[in-house]
């Protein structure tokens, strides 16, 4: 677990902070400094709110934070997925997959609850053409995305373990069949359920 934690910090947390700070510095110069009419308080709007956005890492602007690079929430979310999966996988229990399935059911239930209720004072700002109105409410570090992302993450590990790990021994047509079936399942379920958006728990 410790080795995997160090690896995840190096591969996900460090790139998250690095690219966030680079993006924030660029945005501060080309946008914040040039538009005082939009950002009247350069210290608060240009420094404090983006840094809070980096720490909160939920991929949305709130009334007290700004996400300088929105897509980076994915790195934070993936970090927690890998950490939780490694924690459970490192247990010596015989029924690891059963524990994972039960956890996925619990997380999906949590996703339903989070989607159904919101905290008005932490309501994210509504952005045009962006689903902030059904967005993840104030759950820092992209931990709320676990409710959906972990289910996909676990499913991916199962497919990898069962279909792709022994790819040398399996005919290529079997691998192609698995990929086509996964694609069809994704398309059919999206038609039935609508668009899936992990970050907004949809």
N, C-alpha and C. Protein backbone atom coordinates (compact mmCIF):
# COMPACT_ATOMS: atom_id res chain seq x y z
N UNK A 1 0.83 -1.21 0.00
CA UNK A 1 0.00 0.00 0.00
C UNK A 1 0.86 1.25 0.00
N UNK A 2 1.93 1.26 0.81
CA UNK A 2 2.80 2.43 0.88
C UNK A 2 3.48 2.70 -0.46
N UNK A 3 3.91 1.63 -1.12
CA UNK A 3 4.55 1.78 -2.43
C UNK A 3 3.58 2.36 -3.45
N UNK A 4 2.34 1.86 -3.44
CA UNK A 4 1.32 2.37 -4.36
C UNK A 4 0.95 3.81 -4.04
N UNK A 5 0.95 4.16 -2.75
CA UNK A 5 0.67 5.54 -2.36
C UNK A 5 1.74 6.47 -2.90
N UNK A 6 3.01 6.09 -2.74
CA UNK A 6 4.11 6.91 -3.26
C UNK A 6 4.02 7.05 -4.77
N UNK A 7 3.68 5.94 -5.45
CA UNK A 7 3.55 5.96 -6.90
C UNK A 7 2.43 6.88 -7.35
N UNK A 8 1.28 6.81 -6.66
CA UNK A 8 0.15 7.67 -7.01
C UNK A 8 0.44 9.14 -6.75
N UNK A 9 1.16 9.42 -5.66
CA UNK A 9 1.55 10.81 -5.38
C UNK A 9 2.45 11.34 -6.49
N UNK A 10 3.38 10.50 -6.92
CA UNK A 10 4.32 10.92 -7.96
C UNK A 10 3.64 11.07 -9.33
N UNK A 11 2.73 10.15 -9.64
CA UNK A 11 2.12 10.12 -10.97
C UNK A 11 0.88 11.01 -11.11
N UNK A 12 0.22 11.30 -9.98
CA UNK A 12 -1.04 12.04 -10.06
C UNK A 12 -1.04 13.35 -9.27
N UNK A 13 -0.63 13.29 -8.00
CA UNK A 13 -0.69 14.49 -7.16
C UNK A 13 0.33 15.54 -7.60
N UNK A 14 1.56 15.12 -7.87
CA UNK A 14 2.59 16.08 -8.30
C UNK A 14 2.24 16.73 -9.64
N UNK A 15 1.83 15.96 -10.67
CA UNK A 15 1.40 16.60 -11.92
C UNK A 15 0.21 17.54 -11.73
N UNK A 16 -0.72 17.15 -10.84
CA UNK A 16 -1.88 18.01 -10.58
C UNK A 16 -1.43 19.38 -10.09
N UNK A 17 -0.59 19.42 -9.07
CA UNK A 17 -0.13 20.68 -8.51
C UNK A 17 0.70 21.46 -9.53
N UNK A 18 1.60 20.78 -10.23
CA UNK A 18 2.48 21.44 -11.19
C UNK A 18 1.68 22.12 -12.30
N UNK A 19 0.82 21.36 -12.97
CA UNK A 19 0.07 21.92 -14.09
C UNK A 19 -0.96 22.94 -13.64
N UNK A 20 -1.48 22.78 -12.44
CA UNK A 20 -2.42 23.78 -11.92
C UNK A 20 -1.71 25.12 -11.73
N UNK A 21 -0.53 25.09 -11.11
CA UNK A 21 0.20 26.33 -10.84
C UNK A 21 0.65 27.00 -12.14
N UNK A 22 1.07 26.20 -13.11
CA UNK A 22 1.47 26.76 -14.42
C UNK A 22 0.27 27.43 -15.09
N UNK A 23 -0.86 26.73 -15.08
CA UNK A 23 -2.08 27.30 -15.68
C UNK A 23 -2.54 28.55 -14.95
N UNK A 24 -2.48 28.50 -13.62
CA UNK A 24 -2.91 29.66 -12.83
C UNK A 24 -2.03 30.88 -13.12
N UNK A 25 -0.71 30.67 -13.21
CA UNK A 25 0.20 31.78 -13.50
C UNK A 25 -0.11 32.40 -14.86
N UNK A 26 -0.37 31.55 -15.84
CA UNK A 26 -0.71 32.03 -17.19
C UNK A 26 -2.02 32.81 -17.16
N UNK A 27 -3.03 32.26 -16.49
CA UNK A 27 -4.33 32.93 -16.40
C UNK A 27 -4.20 34.26 -15.67
N UNK A 28 -3.40 34.31 -14.63
CA UNK A 28 -3.25 35.53 -13.85
C UNK A 28 -2.68 36.66 -14.71
N UNK A 29 -1.72 36.33 -15.58
CA UNK A 29 -1.08 37.35 -16.43
C UNK A 29 -1.99 37.77 -17.57
N UNK A 30 -2.56 36.80 -18.29
CA UNK A 30 -3.29 37.13 -19.52
C UNK A 30 -4.75 37.51 -19.28
N UNK A 31 -5.29 37.18 -18.11
CA UNK A 31 -6.70 37.46 -17.87
C UNK A 31 -6.92 38.38 -16.67
N UNK A 32 -6.43 37.97 -15.52
CA UNK A 32 -6.71 38.72 -14.30
C UNK A 32 -6.11 40.12 -14.33
N UNK A 33 -4.86 40.24 -14.70
CA UNK A 33 -4.19 41.54 -14.72
C UNK A 33 -4.74 42.47 -15.80
N UNK A 34 -5.23 41.88 -16.88
CA UNK A 34 -5.70 42.68 -18.02
C UNK A 34 -7.15 43.10 -17.90
N UNK A 35 -7.89 42.50 -16.96
CA UNK A 35 -9.33 42.80 -16.88
C UNK A 35 -9.74 43.16 -15.45
N UNK A 36 -9.36 44.34 -14.99
CA UNK A 36 -9.74 44.77 -13.64
C UNK A 36 -11.25 44.94 -13.48
N UNK A 37 -11.96 45.13 -14.60
CA UNK A 37 -13.41 45.28 -14.51
C UNK A 37 -14.08 43.96 -14.12
N UNK A 38 -13.42 42.84 -14.46
CA UNK A 38 -13.96 41.53 -14.11
C UNK A 38 -13.42 41.08 -12.76
N UNK A 39 -12.14 41.41 -12.50
CA UNK A 39 -11.47 41.00 -11.26
C UNK A 39 -11.00 42.25 -10.51
N UNK A 40 -11.93 42.92 -9.83
CA UNK A 40 -11.58 44.18 -9.16
C UNK A 40 -10.58 44.01 -8.01
N UNK A 41 -10.70 42.90 -7.29
CA UNK A 41 -9.79 42.62 -6.19
C UNK A 41 -8.79 41.57 -6.65
N UNK A 42 -7.66 42.04 -7.17
CA UNK A 42 -6.70 41.12 -7.79
C UNK A 42 -6.10 40.13 -6.78
N UNK A 43 -5.95 40.56 -5.56
CA UNK A 43 -5.36 39.67 -4.56
C UNK A 43 -6.33 38.53 -4.22
N UNK A 44 -7.59 38.89 -3.97
CA UNK A 44 -8.57 37.87 -3.60
C UNK A 44 -9.02 37.05 -4.81
N UNK A 45 -9.41 37.77 -5.91
CA UNK A 45 -9.91 37.08 -7.10
C UNK A 45 -8.81 36.36 -7.87
N UNK A 46 -7.61 36.95 -7.84
CA UNK A 46 -6.54 36.41 -8.67
C UNK A 46 -5.59 35.46 -7.96
N UNK A 47 -5.56 35.51 -6.62
CA UNK A 47 -4.61 34.66 -5.90
C UNK A 47 -5.32 33.73 -4.92
N UNK A 48 -6.10 34.31 -4.00
CA UNK A 48 -6.73 33.51 -2.95
C UNK A 48 -7.73 32.50 -3.52
N UNK A 49 -8.66 32.96 -4.35
CA UNK A 49 -9.69 32.06 -4.88
C UNK A 49 -9.11 30.93 -5.74
N UNK A 50 -8.16 31.21 -6.64
CA UNK A 50 -7.58 30.10 -7.42
C UNK A 50 -6.79 29.10 -6.56
N UNK A 51 -6.09 29.59 -5.54
CA UNK A 51 -5.35 28.67 -4.68
C UNK A 51 -6.31 27.81 -3.85
N UNK A 52 -7.41 28.41 -3.41
CA UNK A 52 -8.45 27.62 -2.72
C UNK A 52 -9.04 26.59 -3.68
N UNK A 53 -9.20 27.00 -4.94
CA UNK A 53 -9.70 26.08 -5.96
C UNK A 53 -8.78 24.89 -6.15
N UNK A 54 -7.47 25.13 -6.08
CA UNK A 54 -6.51 24.04 -6.20
C UNK A 54 -6.63 23.08 -5.02
N UNK A 55 -6.82 23.61 -3.82
CA UNK A 55 -6.93 22.77 -2.63
C UNK A 55 -8.25 22.00 -2.60
N UNK A 56 -9.33 22.67 -3.03
CA UNK A 56 -10.63 22.02 -3.02
C UNK A 56 -10.73 20.98 -4.14
N UNK A 57 -10.21 21.32 -5.32
CA UNK A 57 -10.05 20.36 -6.43
C UNK A 57 -11.33 19.64 -6.81
N UNK A 58 -12.46 20.34 -6.81
CA UNK A 58 -13.70 19.66 -7.18
C UNK A 58 -14.15 19.95 -8.60
N UNK A 59 -13.35 20.72 -9.36
CA UNK A 59 -13.65 20.94 -10.77
C UNK A 59 -14.71 21.96 -11.06
N UNK A 60 -15.09 22.76 -10.05
CA UNK A 60 -16.11 23.79 -10.26
C UNK A 60 -15.74 25.07 -9.52
N UNK A 61 -16.23 26.18 -10.04
CA UNK A 61 -16.09 27.44 -9.33
C UNK A 61 -17.19 27.54 -8.29
N UNK A 62 -16.82 28.03 -7.12
CA UNK A 62 -17.82 28.26 -6.08
C UNK A 62 -17.81 29.74 -5.73
N UNK A 63 -18.59 30.13 -4.76
CA UNK A 63 -18.64 31.53 -4.36
C UNK A 63 -17.34 31.99 -3.71
N UNK A 64 -16.53 31.04 -3.26
CA UNK A 64 -15.29 31.41 -2.57
C UNK A 64 -14.04 30.80 -3.19
N UNK A 65 -14.18 30.09 -4.32
CA UNK A 65 -13.01 29.49 -4.96
C UNK A 65 -13.17 29.49 -6.48
N UNK A 66 -12.04 29.48 -7.17
CA UNK A 66 -12.02 29.42 -8.63
C UNK A 66 -11.08 28.29 -9.05
N UNK A 67 -11.55 27.43 -9.93
CA UNK A 67 -10.72 26.36 -10.46
C UNK A 67 -10.01 26.88 -11.70
N UNK A 68 -8.71 27.10 -11.59
CA UNK A 68 -7.96 27.70 -12.70
C UNK A 68 -7.84 26.77 -13.89
N UNK A 69 -7.86 25.47 -13.64
CA UNK A 69 -7.78 24.49 -14.72
C UNK A 69 -8.76 23.38 -14.39
N UNK A 70 -9.98 23.52 -14.89
CA UNK A 70 -11.09 22.65 -14.49
C UNK A 70 -10.83 21.16 -14.75
N UNK A 71 -10.33 20.76 -15.93
CA UNK A 71 -10.18 19.32 -16.20
C UNK A 71 -9.21 18.60 -15.26
N UNK A 72 -8.40 19.33 -14.52
CA UNK A 72 -7.46 18.67 -13.61
C UNK A 72 -8.14 17.96 -12.45
N UNK A 73 -9.44 18.21 -12.24
CA UNK A 73 -10.16 17.48 -11.19
C UNK A 73 -10.01 15.98 -11.41
N UNK A 74 -9.84 15.57 -12.68
CA UNK A 74 -9.77 14.15 -12.98
C UNK A 74 -8.57 13.49 -12.31
N UNK A 75 -7.45 14.21 -12.23
CA UNK A 75 -6.27 13.64 -11.58
C UNK A 75 -6.52 13.42 -10.09
N UNK A 76 -7.18 14.39 -9.46
CA UNK A 76 -7.50 14.25 -8.03
C UNK A 76 -8.46 13.09 -7.82
N UNK A 77 -9.49 12.99 -8.66
CA UNK A 77 -10.45 11.90 -8.54
C UNK A 77 -9.82 10.54 -8.76
N UNK A 78 -8.95 10.44 -9.76
CA UNK A 78 -8.27 9.18 -10.05
C UNK A 78 -7.34 8.78 -8.92
N UNK A 79 -6.72 9.78 -8.28
CA UNK A 79 -5.84 9.52 -7.15
C UNK A 79 -6.59 8.78 -6.04
N UNK A 80 -7.80 9.26 -5.70
CA UNK A 80 -8.57 8.63 -4.63
C UNK A 80 -9.08 7.26 -5.05
N UNK A 81 -9.42 7.10 -6.34
CA UNK A 81 -9.85 5.79 -6.84
C UNK A 81 -8.74 4.76 -6.64
N UNK A 82 -7.54 5.12 -7.08
CA UNK A 82 -6.41 4.19 -6.97
C UNK A 82 -6.08 3.89 -5.51
N UNK A 83 -6.17 4.91 -4.68
CA UNK A 83 -5.84 4.74 -3.27
C UNK A 83 -6.83 3.80 -2.59
N UNK A 84 -8.12 4.01 -2.84
CA UNK A 84 -9.14 3.17 -2.22
C UNK A 84 -9.06 1.73 -2.73
N UNK A 85 -8.85 1.60 -4.03
CA UNK A 85 -8.75 0.25 -4.61
C UNK A 85 -7.54 -0.50 -4.04
N UNK A 86 -6.41 0.20 -3.94
CA UNK A 86 -5.20 -0.42 -3.41
C UNK A 86 -5.38 -0.82 -1.95
N UNK A 87 -6.08 0.04 -1.19
CA UNK A 87 -6.32 -0.25 0.22
C UNK A 87 -7.11 -1.54 0.39
N UNK A 88 -8.18 -1.68 -0.38
CA UNK A 88 -9.01 -2.89 -0.28
C UNK A 88 -8.26 -4.10 -0.84
N UNK A 89 -7.54 -3.89 -1.94
CA UNK A 89 -6.82 -5.00 -2.58
C UNK A 89 -5.68 -5.51 -1.70
N UNK A 90 -5.17 -4.65 -0.82
CA UNK A 90 -4.05 -5.05 0.04
C UNK A 90 -4.50 -5.87 1.24
N UNK A 91 -5.83 -5.91 1.46
CA UNK A 91 -6.35 -6.72 2.57
C UNK A 91 -6.18 -8.20 2.26
N UNK A 92 -6.05 -8.98 3.28
CA UNK A 92 -5.82 -10.41 3.09
C UNK A 92 -7.12 -11.20 3.01
N UNK A 93 -8.24 -10.52 2.90
CA UNK A 93 -9.53 -11.20 2.84
C UNK A 93 -9.65 -12.03 1.56
N UNK A 94 -10.36 -13.13 1.66
CA UNK A 94 -10.51 -14.02 0.50
C UNK A 94 -11.50 -13.45 -0.52
N UNK A 95 -12.46 -12.70 -0.03
CA UNK A 95 -13.54 -12.22 -0.90
C UNK A 95 -13.36 -10.74 -1.23
N UNK A 96 -12.25 -10.40 -1.84
CA UNK A 96 -11.96 -9.00 -2.16
C UNK A 96 -12.98 -8.44 -3.15
N UNK A 97 -13.30 -9.25 -4.18
CA UNK A 97 -14.24 -8.77 -5.19
C UNK A 97 -15.62 -8.52 -4.62
N UNK A 98 -16.03 -9.36 -3.68
CA UNK A 98 -17.34 -9.15 -3.03
C UNK A 98 -17.34 -7.85 -2.25
N UNK A 99 -16.25 -7.58 -1.55
CA UNK A 99 -16.13 -6.33 -0.81
C UNK A 99 -16.20 -5.15 -1.77
N UNK A 100 -15.54 -5.28 -2.92
CA UNK A 100 -15.55 -4.21 -3.92
C UNK A 100 -16.96 -3.98 -4.46
N UNK A 101 -17.67 -5.06 -4.73
CA UNK A 101 -19.03 -4.94 -5.27
C UNK A 101 -19.96 -4.26 -4.26
N UNK A 102 -19.85 -4.66 -3.01
CA UNK A 102 -20.66 -4.04 -1.94
C UNK A 102 -20.32 -2.55 -1.83
N UNK A 103 -19.02 -2.24 -1.90
CA UNK A 103 -18.59 -0.83 -1.84
C UNK A 103 -19.17 -0.04 -3.01
N UNK A 104 -19.15 -0.63 -4.20
CA UNK A 104 -19.72 0.04 -5.38
C UNK A 104 -21.21 0.32 -5.19
N UNK A 105 -21.93 -0.64 -4.59
CA UNK A 105 -23.36 -0.45 -4.33
C UNK A 105 -23.59 0.69 -3.34
N UNK A 106 -22.75 0.75 -2.31
CA UNK A 106 -22.85 1.83 -1.32
C UNK A 106 -22.57 3.18 -1.97
N UNK A 107 -21.55 3.22 -2.81
CA UNK A 107 -21.18 4.48 -3.47
C UNK A 107 -22.25 4.94 -4.45
N UNK A 108 -22.86 4.00 -5.17
CA UNK A 108 -23.95 4.37 -6.08
C UNK A 108 -25.14 4.92 -5.32
N UNK A 109 -25.42 4.34 -4.15
CA UNK A 109 -26.49 4.87 -3.30
C UNK A 109 -26.15 6.29 -2.84
N UNK A 110 -24.89 6.50 -2.49
CA UNK A 110 -24.45 7.85 -2.09
C UNK A 110 -24.58 8.82 -3.24
N UNK A 111 -24.30 8.35 -4.47
CA UNK A 111 -24.44 9.21 -5.65
C UNK A 111 -25.89 9.65 -5.82
N UNK A 112 -26.81 8.73 -5.61
CA UNK A 112 -28.24 9.04 -5.72
C UNK A 112 -28.64 10.10 -4.69
N UNK A 113 -28.13 9.93 -3.47
CA UNK A 113 -28.46 10.88 -2.39
C UNK A 113 -27.88 12.26 -2.71
N UNK A 114 -26.62 12.29 -3.15
CA UNK A 114 -25.98 13.57 -3.47
C UNK A 114 -26.68 14.26 -4.63
N UNK A 115 -27.15 13.46 -5.58
CA UNK A 115 -27.84 14.05 -6.74
C UNK A 115 -29.21 14.58 -6.36
N UNK A 116 -29.82 13.96 -5.35
CA UNK A 116 -31.18 14.34 -4.96
C UNK A 116 -31.23 15.54 -4.02
N UNK A 117 -30.16 15.74 -3.24
CA UNK A 117 -30.15 16.82 -2.25
C UNK A 117 -28.95 17.73 -2.50
N UNK A 118 -29.09 18.96 -2.11
CA UNK A 118 -27.98 19.89 -2.26
C UNK A 118 -27.92 20.82 -1.06
N UNK A 119 -26.78 21.48 -0.94
CA UNK A 119 -26.58 22.44 0.15
C UNK A 119 -26.58 23.82 -0.49
N UNK A 120 -27.65 24.60 -0.34
CA UNK A 120 -27.77 25.86 -1.07
C UNK A 120 -26.59 26.81 -0.90
N UNK A 121 -26.06 26.92 0.31
CA UNK A 121 -25.00 27.90 0.53
C UNK A 121 -23.70 27.54 -0.19
N UNK A 122 -23.59 26.27 -0.61
CA UNK A 122 -22.40 25.84 -1.34
C UNK A 122 -22.73 25.55 -2.80
N UNK A 123 -23.89 26.02 -3.25
CA UNK A 123 -24.29 25.80 -4.64
C UNK A 123 -23.25 26.40 -5.58
N UNK A 124 -22.80 25.61 -6.51
CA UNK A 124 -21.80 26.10 -7.45
C UNK A 124 -22.42 27.10 -8.42
N UNK A 125 -21.59 27.95 -8.95
CA UNK A 125 -22.07 28.96 -9.87
C UNK A 125 -22.54 28.30 -11.17
N UNK A 126 -23.65 28.78 -11.69
CA UNK A 126 -24.16 28.24 -12.94
C UNK A 126 -23.40 28.89 -14.09
N UNK A 127 -22.77 28.05 -14.90
CA UNK A 127 -22.00 28.53 -16.03
C UNK A 127 -22.74 28.13 -17.30
N UNK A 128 -22.80 29.03 -18.25
CA UNK A 128 -23.52 28.76 -19.49
C UNK A 128 -22.92 27.55 -20.19
N UNK A 129 -23.81 26.69 -20.70
CA UNK A 129 -23.41 25.48 -21.43
C UNK A 129 -22.59 24.53 -20.57
N UNK A 130 -22.75 24.60 -19.27
CA UNK A 130 -22.01 23.71 -18.39
C UNK A 130 -22.95 23.26 -17.29
N UNK A 131 -22.89 22.00 -16.91
CA UNK A 131 -23.91 21.45 -16.03
C UNK A 131 -23.65 21.75 -14.56
N UNK A 132 -23.34 23.00 -14.27
CA UNK A 132 -23.06 23.35 -12.88
C UNK A 132 -24.34 23.34 -12.03
N UNK A 133 -25.50 23.40 -12.69
CA UNK A 133 -26.73 23.40 -11.91
C UNK A 133 -27.01 22.03 -11.30
N UNK A 134 -26.43 20.97 -11.86
CA UNK A 134 -26.57 19.65 -11.26
C UNK A 134 -25.21 19.17 -10.77
N UNK A 135 -24.37 20.14 -10.48
CA UNK A 135 -22.98 19.82 -10.17
C UNK A 135 -22.79 19.25 -8.78
N UNK A 136 -21.63 18.68 -8.63
CA UNK A 136 -21.19 18.23 -7.33
C UNK A 136 -21.17 19.43 -6.39
N UNK A 137 -21.81 19.29 -5.25
CA UNK A 137 -21.78 20.38 -4.29
C UNK A 137 -20.48 20.32 -3.51
N UNK A 138 -20.36 21.07 -2.46
CA UNK A 138 -19.07 21.25 -1.79
C UNK A 138 -18.57 19.96 -1.15
N UNK A 139 -17.85 19.19 -1.94
CA UNK A 139 -17.15 18.01 -1.44
C UNK A 139 -15.72 18.15 -1.95
N UNK A 140 -14.79 18.50 -1.08
CA UNK A 140 -13.44 18.84 -1.54
C UNK A 140 -12.64 17.64 -2.05
N UNK A 141 -11.56 17.95 -2.74
CA UNK A 141 -10.58 16.98 -3.23
C UNK A 141 -11.17 15.98 -4.22
N UNK A 142 -12.28 16.33 -4.86
CA UNK A 142 -12.95 15.44 -5.82
C UNK A 142 -13.35 14.11 -5.19
N UNK A 143 -13.52 14.09 -3.87
CA UNK A 143 -13.94 12.86 -3.20
C UNK A 143 -15.35 12.44 -3.60
N UNK A 144 -16.18 13.43 -3.90
CA UNK A 144 -17.55 13.10 -4.31
C UNK A 144 -17.61 12.33 -5.61
N UNK A 145 -16.61 12.52 -6.48
CA UNK A 145 -16.62 11.82 -7.76
C UNK A 145 -16.43 10.31 -7.58
N UNK A 146 -15.94 9.91 -6.42
CA UNK A 146 -15.77 8.47 -6.14
C UNK A 146 -17.08 7.71 -6.28
N UNK A 147 -18.20 8.38 -6.01
CA UNK A 147 -19.48 7.70 -6.02
C UNK A 147 -19.78 7.06 -7.37
N UNK A 148 -19.29 7.67 -8.45
CA UNK A 148 -19.46 7.07 -9.78
C UNK A 148 -18.16 6.56 -10.36
N UNK A 149 -17.09 7.32 -10.17
CA UNK A 149 -15.82 6.96 -10.82
C UNK A 149 -15.27 5.64 -10.31
N UNK A 150 -15.49 5.34 -9.04
CA UNK A 150 -14.94 4.11 -8.49
C UNK A 150 -15.60 2.89 -9.10
N UNK A 151 -16.88 3.00 -9.42
CA UNK A 151 -17.60 1.90 -10.05
C UNK A 151 -16.98 1.59 -11.42
N UNK A 152 -16.70 2.63 -12.19
CA UNK A 152 -16.07 2.45 -13.50
C UNK A 152 -14.64 1.92 -13.33
N UNK A 153 -13.95 2.44 -12.33
CA UNK A 153 -12.56 2.04 -12.09
C UNK A 153 -12.49 0.54 -11.76
N UNK A 154 -13.38 0.08 -10.88
CA UNK A 154 -13.39 -1.33 -10.50
C UNK A 154 -13.77 -2.21 -11.69
N UNK A 155 -14.77 -1.77 -12.45
CA UNK A 155 -15.17 -2.54 -13.64
C UNK A 155 -13.99 -2.65 -14.62
N UNK A 156 -13.25 -1.56 -14.76
CA UNK A 156 -12.09 -1.58 -15.65
C UNK A 156 -11.02 -2.55 -15.19
N UNK A 157 -10.79 -2.62 -13.89
CA UNK A 157 -9.78 -3.55 -13.38
C UNK A 157 -10.21 -4.99 -13.60
N UNK A 158 -11.51 -5.26 -13.47
CA UNK A 158 -12.01 -6.62 -13.71
C UNK A 158 -11.82 -7.01 -15.17
N UNK A 159 -12.19 -6.11 -16.07
CA UNK A 159 -12.05 -6.39 -17.51
C UNK A 159 -10.58 -6.60 -17.86
N UNK A 160 -9.72 -5.76 -17.31
CA UNK A 160 -8.30 -5.89 -17.58
C UNK A 160 -7.76 -7.23 -17.08
N UNK A 161 -8.19 -7.60 -15.87
CA UNK A 161 -7.68 -8.84 -15.25
C UNK A 161 -8.19 -10.07 -16.00
N UNK A 162 -9.48 -10.06 -16.37
CA UNK A 162 -10.08 -11.24 -16.98
C UNK A 162 -9.81 -11.35 -18.48
N UNK A 163 -9.75 -10.21 -19.17
CA UNK A 163 -9.68 -10.27 -20.64
C UNK A 163 -8.33 -9.90 -21.22
N UNK A 164 -7.62 -8.99 -20.57
CA UNK A 164 -6.42 -8.44 -21.20
C UNK A 164 -5.11 -8.89 -20.57
N UNK A 165 -5.13 -9.33 -19.32
CA UNK A 165 -3.89 -9.71 -18.66
C UNK A 165 -3.23 -10.89 -19.38
N UNK A 166 -4.05 -11.86 -19.78
CA UNK A 166 -3.53 -13.04 -20.48
C UNK A 166 -3.74 -12.92 -21.98
N UNK A 167 -3.53 -11.72 -22.50
CA UNK A 167 -3.81 -11.47 -23.91
C UNK A 167 -2.93 -12.30 -24.84
N UNK A 168 -1.75 -12.71 -24.34
CA UNK A 168 -0.85 -13.52 -25.17
C UNK A 168 -1.49 -14.88 -25.46
N UNK A 169 -2.24 -15.39 -24.49
CA UNK A 169 -2.85 -16.71 -24.64
C UNK A 169 -4.21 -16.66 -25.34
N UNK A 170 -4.78 -15.47 -25.44
CA UNK A 170 -6.10 -15.36 -26.04
C UNK A 170 -5.99 -14.91 -27.50
N UNK A 171 -6.82 -15.47 -28.37
CA UNK A 171 -6.83 -15.01 -29.77
C UNK A 171 -7.25 -13.55 -29.83
N UNK A 172 -6.74 -12.85 -30.82
CA UNK A 172 -7.05 -11.42 -30.95
C UNK A 172 -8.54 -11.19 -31.14
N UNK A 173 -9.21 -12.13 -31.80
CA UNK A 173 -10.65 -11.93 -32.04
C UNK A 173 -11.42 -11.90 -30.71
N UNK A 174 -10.94 -12.63 -29.70
CA UNK A 174 -11.60 -12.60 -28.39
C UNK A 174 -11.48 -11.22 -27.75
N UNK A 175 -10.28 -10.62 -27.87
CA UNK A 175 -10.07 -9.29 -27.31
C UNK A 175 -10.94 -8.26 -28.03
N UNK A 176 -11.00 -8.37 -29.33
CA UNK A 176 -11.84 -7.44 -30.12
C UNK A 176 -13.30 -7.61 -29.73
N UNK A 177 -13.72 -8.86 -29.52
CA UNK A 177 -15.11 -9.11 -29.12
C UNK A 177 -15.43 -8.47 -27.79
N UNK A 178 -14.51 -8.58 -26.84
CA UNK A 178 -14.70 -7.96 -25.53
C UNK A 178 -14.82 -6.46 -25.66
N UNK A 179 -13.96 -5.86 -26.47
CA UNK A 179 -13.99 -4.41 -26.66
C UNK A 179 -15.30 -3.97 -27.31
N UNK A 180 -15.76 -4.72 -28.32
CA UNK A 180 -17.01 -4.37 -29.00
C UNK A 180 -18.19 -4.51 -28.05
N UNK A 181 -18.21 -5.57 -27.24
CA UNK A 181 -19.30 -5.75 -26.28
C UNK A 181 -19.34 -4.62 -25.25
N UNK A 182 -18.16 -4.21 -24.77
CA UNK A 182 -18.09 -3.09 -23.82
C UNK A 182 -18.61 -1.80 -24.45
N UNK A 183 -18.24 -1.57 -25.71
CA UNK A 183 -18.69 -0.38 -26.42
C UNK A 183 -20.21 -0.39 -26.58
N UNK A 184 -20.75 -1.53 -27.00
CA UNK A 184 -22.19 -1.65 -27.19
C UNK A 184 -22.93 -1.47 -25.87
N UNK A 185 -22.39 -2.07 -24.81
CA UNK A 185 -23.01 -1.92 -23.49
C UNK A 185 -23.03 -0.45 -23.08
N UNK A 186 -21.93 0.26 -23.32
CA UNK A 186 -21.86 1.68 -22.99
C UNK A 186 -22.86 2.51 -23.77
N UNK A 187 -22.98 2.21 -25.07
CA UNK A 187 -23.91 2.95 -25.93
C UNK A 187 -25.36 2.70 -25.52
N UNK A 188 -25.70 1.43 -25.29
CA UNK A 188 -27.08 1.09 -24.93
C UNK A 188 -27.46 1.69 -23.58
N UNK A 189 -26.56 1.57 -22.61
CA UNK A 189 -26.86 2.11 -21.29
C UNK A 189 -26.95 3.63 -21.31
N UNK A 190 -26.15 4.30 -22.15
CA UNK A 190 -26.21 5.77 -22.23
C UNK A 190 -27.51 6.22 -22.90
N UNK A 191 -27.99 5.44 -23.87
CA UNK A 191 -29.28 5.77 -24.50
C UNK A 191 -30.40 5.64 -23.48
N UNK A 192 -30.32 4.61 -22.65
CA UNK A 192 -31.37 4.37 -21.66
C UNK A 192 -31.28 5.36 -20.50
N UNK A 193 -30.07 5.60 -20.01
CA UNK A 193 -29.88 6.42 -18.81
C UNK A 193 -29.64 7.89 -19.09
N UNK A 194 -29.27 8.22 -20.31
CA UNK A 194 -28.87 9.59 -20.60
C UNK A 194 -27.38 9.76 -20.42
N UNK A 195 -26.93 10.98 -20.56
CA UNK A 195 -25.49 11.25 -20.49
C UNK A 195 -24.94 10.98 -19.10
N UNK A 196 -23.79 10.32 -19.06
CA UNK A 196 -23.13 10.07 -17.79
C UNK A 196 -22.05 11.12 -17.58
N UNK A 197 -22.06 11.77 -16.43
CA UNK A 197 -21.03 12.75 -16.10
C UNK A 197 -20.58 12.50 -14.66
N UNK A 198 -19.37 12.01 -14.53
CA UNK A 198 -18.89 11.61 -13.21
C UNK A 198 -18.75 12.81 -12.29
N UNK A 199 -18.21 13.91 -12.80
CA UNK A 199 -17.92 15.04 -11.94
C UNK A 199 -19.17 15.75 -11.42
N UNK A 200 -20.26 15.63 -12.16
CA UNK A 200 -21.51 16.24 -11.69
C UNK A 200 -22.47 15.18 -11.15
N UNK A 201 -21.95 13.98 -10.92
CA UNK A 201 -22.75 12.87 -10.38
C UNK A 201 -24.04 12.70 -11.18
N UNK A 202 -23.90 12.51 -12.47
CA UNK A 202 -25.08 12.34 -13.32
C UNK A 202 -24.98 11.00 -14.03
